Amino acid sequence: MFQDNSQGAGASNVPPANLPLPEHQYENVNHTLFGSLIAIRNTIALLHKLNYAEPNDWSKPLPTGRPNELMAIMTKRVRVD
């Protein structure tokens, strides 16, 4: 009825449940976009299309004090190991 498949060709590569999962190192990466509103929106849409960041992860575009220039910022946690 029950077969022990822990050895031989049918052995699974899944570790036993009592072993701890490996810990990974993470760091924060800060991204800043400068440009016109349309350029910022297009870049955020492209990064979303590439599955890098969600549009809601970005700040609202903020004025920089320069004509026709805004900035948006995002902090992303990335794995570094």
Protein backbone atom coordinates (compact mmCIF):
# COMPACT_ATOMS: atom_id res chain seq x y z
CA MET A 1 0.00 0.00 0.00
CA PHE A 2 2.58 2.62 1.14
CA GLN A 3 5.98 2.57 -0.54
CA ASP A 4 9.12 4.27 0.68
CA ASN A 5 10.38 6.23 -2.34
CA SER A 6 13.11 8.08 -0.45
CA GLN A 7 15.86 6.24 -2.35
CA GLY A 8 16.44 5.12 -5.89
CA ALA A 9 15.17 6.50 -9.19
CA GLY A 10 11.89 7.69 -7.70
CA ALA A 11 13.58 9.79 -4.98
CA SER A 12 12.40 13.36 -4.66
CA ASN A 13 14.78 16.34 -4.56
CA VAL A 14 12.53 18.14 -2.07
CA PRO A 15 14.27 18.61 1.30
CA PRO A 16 12.53 17.34 4.45
CA ALA A 17 10.07 19.80 5.97
CA ASN A 18 12.12 20.22 9.15
CA LEU A 19 15.11 21.81 7.37
CA PRO A 20 15.18 25.64 7.46
CA LEU A 21 14.75 27.50 4.19
CA PRO A 22 17.82 29.34 2.96
CA GLU A 23 18.01 32.97 4.02
CA HIS A 24 18.59 35.50 1.26
CA GLN A 25 20.21 38.90 1.47
CA TYR A 26 18.13 41.89 0.39
CA GLU A 27 18.98 45.56 -0.12
CA ASN A 28 16.95 48.62 -0.95
CA VAL A 29 17.53 50.27 -4.33
CA ASN A 30 16.28 53.82 -4.83
CA HIS A 31 15.05 54.80 -8.28
CA THR A 32 14.47 58.40 -9.35
CA LEU A 33 12.93 59.53 -12.63
CA PHE A 34 13.31 63.09 -13.90
CA GLY A 35 11.48 64.41 -16.94
CA SER A 36 8.17 65.60 -18.30
CA LEU A 37 4.97 64.07 -16.98
CA ILE A 38 4.47 62.02 -20.14
CA ALA A 39 8.07 60.72 -20.07
CA ILE A 40 7.72 59.68 -16.42
CA ARG A 41 4.36 57.98 -17.03
CA ASN A 42 5.73 56.14 -20.08
CA THR A 43 8.79 54.93 -18.16
CA ILE A 44 6.67 53.72 -15.23
CA ALA A 45 4.38 51.89 -17.69
CA LEU A 46 7.40 50.27 -19.38
CA LEU A 47 8.87 49.10 -16.06
CA HIS A 48 5.47 47.65 -15.20
CA LYS A 49 5.26 45.88 -18.57
CA LEU A 50 8.70 44.38 -17.88
CA ASN A 51 7.36 43.11 -14.50
CA TYR A 52 9.88 45.23 -12.61
CA ALA A 53 7.58 47.48 -10.57
CA GLU A 54 3.93 48.23 -10.03
CA PRO A 55 2.77 51.74 -11.01
CA ASN A 56 1.45 52.32 -7.49
CA ASP A 57 4.96 51.71 -6.09
CA TRP A 58 6.04 55.12 -7.43
CA SER A 59 5.47 58.44 -5.73
CA LYS A 60 3.20 61.00 -7.34
CA PRO A 61 5.20 63.12 -9.79
CA LEU A 62 6.61 66.10 -7.89
CA PRO A 63 7.84 69.42 -9.34
CA THR A 64 11.60 69.95 -9.32
CA GLY A 65 11.48 73.71 -9.74
CA ARG A 66 12.72 73.51 -13.33
CA PRO A 67 10.33 74.27 -16.20
CA ASN A 68 8.46 71.18 -17.47
CA GLU A 69 10.42 68.86 -15.16
CA LEU A 70 8.95 66.54 -12.57
CA MET A 71 10.39 63.69 -10.54
CA ALA A 72 9.05 60.40 -9.24
CA ILE A 73 10.77 58.10 -6.77
CA MET A 74 10.50 54.44 -5.81
CA THR A 75 12.36 52.20 -3.39
CA LYS A 76 12.57 48.55 -4.38
CA ARG A 77 13.85 45.66 -2.28
CA VAL A 78 16.10 43.40 -4.36
CA ARG A 79 17.82 40.13 -3.62
CA VAL A 80 21.62 40.42 -3.71
CA ASP A 81 22.88 36.86 -3.28
